[in-house]
Amino acid sequence: MTLTKDRIIQSLYRRLDIPRIESIQIMDSFLELMKRTLENGESMVISGFGKFCIKNKNDRRGRNPQTGNDLTLEARRVVTFKSSPVLIDKVNRKDSPPN
C-alpha cells in the first residue's frame, strides 16, 4: 500500500493528539519548506532518512519514440534522493515485512 499525504496527516493527528486541521497545517508547512529549499538549489538532509539534492542536467540528444525524429532535450534541474545508511539497513533487515 502506498503512503499518501492524507495517511501521514491521519497519523500525525492520532499520534500527537492534535486537531486534524493542525495536522494538515504541519504537513503543508513541511512540504512547502521542502519545495522552497529545493527550488533555491539547496540540499535537504533528514538525519536517519536521506538527502534530497538538486542536480543540473545539460542539454542532451534525444529521440521522439513515436516518430523516431532526433531532438535536443533542454538543460534542466532534477531532484535526486540518496538514502541514509540507517534507512538502507532498515529496508534490508531480514525481519522486515515484505510489501
C-alpha atoms as a PDB file:
ATOM      1  CA  MET A   1       0.000   0.000   0.000  1.00  0.00           C
ATOM      2  CA  THR A   2       1.239   3.482  -0.873  1.00  0.00           C
ATOM      3  CA  LEU A   3       1.688   6.043   1.877  1.00  0.00           C
ATOM      4  CA  THR A   4      -0.284   9.147   0.910  1.00  0.00           C
ATOM      5  CA  LYS A   5      -0.291  12.693   2.235  1.00  0.00           C
ATOM      6  CA  ASP A   6      -3.704  12.028   3.801  1.00  0.00           C
ATOM      7  CA  ARG A   7      -2.426   8.946   5.656  1.00  0.00           C
ATOM      8  CA  ILE A   8       0.511  10.963   7.011  1.00  0.00           C
ATOM      9  CA  ILE A   9      -1.916  13.634   8.237  1.00  0.00           C
ATOM     10  CA  GLN A  10      -4.092  10.966   9.906  1.00  0.00           C
ATOM     11  CA  SER A  11      -1.029   9.516  11.603  1.00  0.00           C
ATOM     12  CA  LEU A  12       0.031  12.949  12.868  1.00  0.00           C
ATOM     13  CA  TYR A  13      -3.286  13.807  14.447  1.00  0.00           C
ATOM     14  CA  ARG A  14      -3.650  10.354  16.035  1.00  0.00           C
ATOM     15  CA  ARG A  15      -0.098  10.093  17.397  1.00  0.00           C
ATOM     16  CA  LEU A  16       0.222  13.709  18.535  1.00  0.00           C
ATOM     17  CA  ASP A  17      -3.404  14.005  19.691  1.00  0.00           C
ATOM     18  CA  ILE A  18      -3.876  17.306  17.869  1.00  0.00           C
ATOM     19  CA  PRO A  19      -6.780  18.534  15.740  1.00  0.00           C
ATOM     20  CA  ARG A  20      -6.874  17.351  12.134  1.00  0.00           C
ATOM     21  CA  ILE A  21      -6.654  20.921  10.790  1.00  0.00           C
ATOM     22  CA  GLU A  22      -3.440  21.420  12.752  1.00  0.00           C
ATOM     23  CA  SER A  23      -2.032  18.191  11.311  1.00  0.00           C
ATOM     24  CA  ILE A  24      -2.849  19.450   7.810  1.00  0.00           C
ATOM     25  CA  GLN A  25      -1.088  22.749   8.530  1.00  0.00           C
ATOM     26  CA  ILE A  26       2.022  20.952   9.850  1.00  0.00           C
ATOM     27  CA  MET A  27       2.173  18.708   6.785  1.00  0.00           C
ATOM     28  CA  ASP A  28       1.609  21.574   4.345  1.00  0.00           C
ATOM     29  CA  SER A  29       4.237  23.713   6.090  1.00  0.00           C
ATOM     30  CA  PHE A  30       6.788  20.910   5.945  1.00  0.00           C
ATOM     31  CA  LEU A  31       6.157  20.251   2.247  1.00  0.00           C
ATOM     32  CA  GLU A  32       6.307  23.983   1.450  1.00  0.00           C
ATOM     33  CA  LEU A  33       9.650  24.241   3.277  1.00  0.00           C
ATOM     34  CA  MET A  34      10.968  21.299   1.247  1.00  0.00           C
ATOM     35  CA  LYS A  35       9.781  22.853  -2.025  1.00  0.00           C
ATOM     36  CA  ARG A  36      11.304  26.274  -1.261  1.00  0.00           C
ATOM     37  CA  THR A  37      14.613  24.751  -0.178  1.00  0.00           C
ATOM     38  CA  LEU A  38      14.942  22.640  -3.323  1.00  0.00           C
ATOM     39  CA  GLU A  39      13.670  25.450  -5.558  1.00  0.00           C
ATOM     40  CA  ASN A  40      16.524  27.621  -4.228  1.00  0.00           C
ATOM     41  CA  GLY A  41      19.010  24.919  -5.243  1.00  0.00           C
ATOM     42  CA  GLU A  42      19.814  23.919  -1.677  1.00  0.00           C
ATOM     43  CA  SER A  43      20.107  20.342  -0.443  1.00  0.00           C
ATOM     44  CA  MET A  44      17.918  18.996   2.328  1.00  0.00           C
ATOM     45  CA  VAL A  45      19.245  16.394   4.780  1.00  0.00           C
ATOM     46  CA  ILE A  46      16.927  14.484   7.103  1.00  0.00           C
ATOM     47  CA  SER A  47      19.109  12.613   9.567  1.00  0.00           C
ATOM     48  CA  GLY A  48      18.471   8.861   9.534  1.00  0.00           C
ATOM     49  CA  PHE A  49      16.400   9.147   6.347  1.00  0.00           C
ATOM     50  CA  GLY A  50      18.369  10.645   3.483  1.00  0.00           C
ATOM     51  CA  LYS A  51      19.386  13.650   1.424  1.00  0.00           C
ATOM     52  CA  PHE A  52      17.418  15.461  -1.277  1.00  0.00           C
ATOM     53  CA  CYS A  53      19.640  17.289  -3.783  1.00  0.00           C
ATOM     54  CA  ILE A  54      19.260  19.346  -6.928  1.00  0.00           C
ATOM     55  CA  LYS A  55      21.310  18.182  -9.920  1.00  0.00           C
ATOM     56  CA  ASN A  56      21.801  20.172 -13.104  1.00  0.00           C
ATOM     57  CA  LYS A  57      21.289  18.259 -16.333  1.00  0.00           C
ATOM     58  CA  ASN A  58      22.931  19.583 -19.515  1.00  0.00           C
ATOM     59  CA  ASP A  59      21.338  19.708 -22.951  1.00  0.00           C
ATOM     60  CA  ARG A  60      21.347  16.261 -24.489  1.00  0.00           C
ATOM     61  CA  ARG A  61      20.328  14.485 -27.620  1.00  0.00           C
ATOM     62  CA  GLY A  62      17.077  12.599 -27.572  1.00  0.00           C
ATOM     63  CA  ARG A  63      14.618  10.941 -29.883  1.00  0.00           C
ATOM     64  CA  ASN A  64      10.867  11.113 -30.223  1.00  0.00           C
ATOM     65  CA  PRO A  65       9.837   7.450 -29.782  1.00  0.00           C
ATOM     66  CA  GLN A  66       6.700   7.864 -31.914  1.00  0.00           C
ATOM     67  CA  THR A  67       8.339   9.462 -34.948  1.00  0.00           C
ATOM     68  CA  GLY A  68      11.982   8.497 -34.499  1.00  0.00           C
ATOM     69  CA  ASN A  69      12.991  12.140 -35.093  1.00  0.00           C
ATOM     70  CA  ASP A  70      16.092  13.404 -33.290  1.00  0.00           C
ATOM     71  CA  LEU A  71      15.634  16.313 -30.914  1.00  0.00           C
ATOM     72  CA  THR A  72      17.509  18.186 -28.209  1.00  0.00           C
ATOM     73  CA  LEU A  73      16.337  17.901 -24.616  1.00  0.00           C
ATOM     74  CA  GLU A  74      16.938  21.235 -22.906  1.00  0.00           C
ATOM     75  CA  ALA A  75      19.016  21.683 -19.770  1.00  0.00           C
ATOM     76  CA  ARG A  76      17.021  21.258 -16.584  1.00  0.00           C
ATOM     77  CA  ARG A  77      17.271  20.713 -12.866  1.00  0.00           C
ATOM     78  CA  VAL A  78      16.135  17.474 -11.242  1.00  0.00           C
ATOM     79  CA  VAL A  79      15.620  16.362  -7.657  1.00  0.00           C
ATOM     80  CA  THR A  80      17.610  13.333  -6.534  1.00  0.00           C
ATOM     81  CA  PHE A  81      17.413  11.349  -3.308  1.00  0.00           C
ATOM     82  CA  LYS A  82      20.206   9.443  -1.560  1.00  0.00           C
ATOM     83  CA  SER A  83      19.113   7.112   1.238  1.00  0.00           C
ATOM     84  CA  SER A  84      20.941   7.197   4.541  1.00  0.00           C
ATOM     85  CA  PRO A  85      22.710   4.032   5.682  1.00  0.00           C
ATOM     86  CA  VAL A  86      20.209   3.845   8.566  1.00  0.00           C
ATOM     87  CA  LEU A  87      17.265   3.740   6.139  1.00  0.00           C
ATOM     88  CA  ILE A  88      19.017   1.250   3.862  1.00  0.00           C
ATOM     89  CA  ASP A  89      19.648  -1.059   6.838  1.00  0.00           C
ATOM     90  CA  LYS A  90      16.000  -0.856   7.937  1.00  0.00           C
ATOM     91  CA  VAL A  91      14.722  -1.583   4.426  1.00  0.00           C
ATOM     92  CA  ASN A  92      17.062  -4.567   4.071  1.00  0.00           C
ATOM     93  CA  ARG A  93      16.536  -6.112   7.520  1.00  0.00           C
ATOM     94  CA  LYS A  94      15.670  -9.783   7.370  1.00  0.00           C
ATOM     95  CA  ASP A  95      12.791  -9.425   9.825  1.00  0.00           C
ATOM     96  CA  SER A  96      11.101  -6.535   7.970  1.00  0.00           C
ATOM     97  CA  PRO A  97       7.708  -7.407   6.469  1.00  0.00           C
ATOM     98  CA  PRO A  98       7.505  -7.870   2.688  1.00  0.00           C
ATOM     99  CA  ASN A  99       5.419  -5.490   0.530  1.00  0.00           C
END
